[in-house]
Amino acid sequence: MYGDFKADSFSQFLYSECRDYIASPIEQLFFIAIHLVAEFNFVEIGVVGTVVKTAKFNDESDALLIIPQWQAGKYRADFALRQHPNDKIVCVELDGHEFHDRNERQRRYEKARDRFFTASGYSVLHFTGAEVVRDPCACALEAFNLATGLKEVSTNPMEND
């Protein structure tokens, strides 16, 4: 019964978070995958929705904080991840063909944004939409490893026994 309850509450939470805060299908896929990777590795998750666009990472817990559509300066990242005490902020960009690199102006904006994030001390990861669709957990695992400072973590819950 407990397992059924956890599975049901997990899926209801993810559904409401995706529906309320995340419009892009590849961003929804990544959001679900990062949650799965964290759950499989027994890392608590804290989520700040896009209602709080200028959210700061003030939480002192060990939870992996996930902020969709994180605002930093005049730029926005698809996701920002941070885990205390590591305190490394990882900006995750999911580059679908519809919204990225379509013209010179978009490319200049994205390069300026990456330079701003890097100069501010943030790590930046880019994944193509095809990468996320092909293996969302591999993309999430790479972001999870960078944000948590862990090297050998799993996307398979059976490996943690």
Protein backbone atom coordinates (compact mmCIF):
# COMPACT_ATOMS: atom_id res chain seq x y z
CA MET A 1 0.00 0.00 0.00
CA TYR A 2 2.80 2.40 0.86
CA GLY A 3 4.44 1.85 -2.53
CA ASP A 4 1.16 2.50 -4.32
CA PHE A 5 0.63 5.67 -2.29
CA LYS A 6 4.17 6.94 -3.06
CA ALA A 7 3.80 6.17 -6.77
CA ASP A 8 0.42 7.89 -6.93
CA SER A 9 1.57 10.99 -5.03
CA PHE A 10 4.75 11.19 -7.13
CA SER A 11 2.82 11.04 -10.40
CA GLN A 12 0.19 13.55 -9.20
CA PHE A 13 2.93 15.96 -8.11
CA LEU A 14 4.79 15.71 -11.40
CA TYR A 15 1.62 16.07 -13.44
CA SER A 16 0.54 19.23 -11.59
CA GLU A 17 4.04 20.75 -11.71
CA CYS A 18 4.39 20.07 -15.43
CA ARG A 19 0.90 21.35 -16.20
CA ASP A 20 1.22 24.50 -14.08
CA TYR A 21 4.80 25.59 -14.73
CA ILE A 22 6.30 23.94 -17.79
CA ALA A 23 4.83 24.32 -21.28
CA SER A 24 7.55 22.73 -23.44
CA PRO A 25 7.29 18.93 -23.90
CA ILE A 26 11.08 18.43 -23.79
CA GLU A 27 11.26 20.51 -20.61
CA GLN A 28 8.49 18.38 -19.10
CA LEU A 29 10.38 15.23 -20.06
CA PHE A 30 13.61 16.53 -18.49
CA PHE A 31 11.73 17.66 -15.34
CA ILE A 32 10.29 14.18 -14.85
CA ALA A 33 13.66 12.54 -15.56
CA ILE A 34 15.57 14.71 -13.06
CA HIS A 35 12.99 13.78 -10.43
CA LEU A 36 13.36 10.10 -11.22
CA VAL A 37 17.16 10.23 -11.05
CA ALA A 38 17.02 12.03 -7.68
CA GLU A 39 14.40 9.61 -6.30
CA PHE A 40 16.44 6.58 -7.41
CA ASN A 41 19.45 7.99 -5.61
CA PHE A 42 17.54 8.92 -2.44
CA VAL A 43 18.07 12.65 -2.86
CA GLU A 44 15.25 14.88 -1.64
CA ILE A 45 13.89 17.38 -4.14
CA GLY A 46 12.72 20.92 -3.62
CA VAL A 47 10.92 22.72 -6.44
CA VAL A 48 10.31 26.42 -6.82
CA GLY A 49 7.75 27.18 -9.51
CA THR A 50 8.00 29.89 -12.09
CA VAL A 51 5.74 32.11 -10.01
CA VAL A 52 8.91 32.96 -8.08
CA LYS A 53 11.04 33.93 -11.09
CA THR A 54 13.74 35.65 -9.05
CA ALA A 55 13.98 32.87 -6.49
CA LYS A 56 17.24 32.69 -4.62
CA PHE A 57 18.83 29.47 -3.48
CA ASN A 58 18.58 30.18 0.25
CA ASP A 59 17.51 26.74 1.44
CA GLU A 60 20.12 25.14 3.72
CA SER A 61 18.69 21.63 3.40
CA ASP A 62 20.42 18.89 1.42
CA ALA A 63 17.54 18.84 -1.09
CA LEU A 64 18.28 19.23 -4.77
CA LEU A 65 16.50 22.46 -5.64
CA ILE A 66 15.00 22.69 -9.11
CA ILE A 67 13.77 25.99 -10.49
CA PRO A 68 12.12 25.92 -13.91
CA GLN A 69 12.50 29.13 -15.95
CA TRP A 70 15.06 30.56 -13.51
CA GLN A 71 15.75 34.28 -13.91
CA ALA A 72 19.30 35.57 -13.37
CA GLY A 73 19.91 39.18 -14.33
CA LYS A 74 18.15 39.81 -17.61
CA TYR A 75 18.54 36.18 -18.69
CA ARG A 76 16.50 33.06 -18.07
CA ALA A 77 17.56 29.41 -17.94
CA ASP A 78 15.20 26.55 -18.69
CA PHE A 79 16.20 25.06 -15.32
CA ALA A 80 18.55 25.87 -12.48
CA LEU A 81 19.72 23.13 -10.11
CA ARG A 82 21.53 23.44 -6.79
CA GLN A 83 22.19 21.22 -3.81
CA HIS A 84 23.50 22.46 -0.46
CA PRO A 85 26.29 22.14 0.70
CA ASN A 86 27.75 21.86 -2.82
CA ASP A 87 26.12 25.21 -3.69
CA LYS A 88 27.07 24.89 -7.34
CA ILE A 89 24.34 26.36 -9.54
CA VAL A 90 23.86 24.46 -12.76
CA CYS A 91 21.87 26.15 -15.54
CA VAL A 92 20.29 23.62 -17.89
CA GLU A 93 19.27 24.66 -21.39
CA LEU A 94 17.19 22.36 -23.57
CA ASP A 95 17.63 23.41 -27.16
CA GLY A 96 14.72 22.41 -29.36
CA HIS A 97 14.83 23.37 -33.04
CA GLU A 98 11.73 25.56 -32.79
CA PHE A 99 13.16 28.08 -30.35
CA HIS A 100 16.97 27.96 -30.54
CA ASP A 101 19.53 28.98 -33.14
CA ARG A 102 16.90 29.89 -35.72
CA ASN A 103 18.56 33.16 -36.67
CA GLU A 104 21.58 35.33 -35.90
CA ARG A 105 19.72 37.35 -33.24
CA GLN A 106 18.77 34.23 -31.27
CA ARG A 107 22.31 32.85 -31.50
CA ARG A 108 23.77 36.15 -30.21
CA TYR A 109 21.30 36.19 -27.31
CA GLU A 110 22.09 32.59 -26.35
CA LYS A 111 25.85 33.15 -26.52
CA ALA A 112 25.55 36.33 -24.41
CA ARG A 113 23.38 34.46 -21.89
CA ASP A 114 25.92 31.62 -21.62
CA ARG A 115 28.76 34.12 -21.12
CA PHE A 116 26.74 35.90 -18.39
CA PHE A 117 26.00 32.61 -16.59
CA THR A 118 29.63 31.49 -16.82
CA ALA A 119 30.97 34.88 -15.65
CA SER A 120 28.52 34.70 -12.72
CA GLY A 121 30.07 31.38 -11.66
CA TYR A 122 27.28 29.10 -12.85
CA SER A 123 27.83 25.93 -14.84
CA VAL A 124 25.86 25.66 -18.07
CA LEU A 125 24.69 22.45 -19.70
CA HIS A 126 23.00 22.33 -23.11
CA PHE A 127 21.06 19.35 -24.39
CA THR A 128 19.37 19.13 -27.75
CA GLY A 129 15.72 18.22 -27.90
CA ALA A 130 16.69 15.00 -29.69
CA GLU A 131 19.05 14.04 -26.83
CA VAL A 132 16.30 14.57 -24.25
CA VAL A 133 13.73 12.61 -26.25
CA ARG A 134 16.20 9.77 -26.98
CA ASP A 135 17.38 9.34 -23.35
CA PRO A 136 15.94 11.81 -20.84
CA CYS A 137 17.45 10.00 -17.86
CA ALA A 138 20.99 10.20 -19.31
CA CYS A 139 20.60 13.98 -19.70
CA ALA A 140 19.12 14.29 -16.22
CA LEU A 141 21.88 12.13 -14.76
CA GLU A 142 24.58 14.36 -16.25
CA ALA A 143 22.90 17.47 -14.79
CA PHE A 144 22.31 15.69 -11.46
CA ASN A 145 25.97 14.64 -11.22
CA LEU A 146 27.18 18.18 -11.87
CA ALA A 147 24.71 19.78 -9.43
CA THR A 148 25.31 17.32 -6.59
CA GLY A 149 29.01 16.75 -7.11
CA LEU A 150 28.39 13.01 -7.22
CA LYS A 151 30.23 10.89 -9.74
CA GLU A 152 28.73 7.41 -9.69
CA VAL A 153 24.98 7.60 -9.35
CA SER A 154 22.28 5.49 -10.85
CA THR A 155 19.18 5.79 -12.97
CA ASN A 156 18.27 2.23 -11.96
CA PRO A 157 16.69 1.85 -8.50
CA MET A 158 17.81 -1.78 -8.25
CA GLU A 159 21.50 -0.74 -8.29
CA ASN A 160 21.17 1.05 -4.93
CA ASP A 161 20.43 -2.12 -2.94
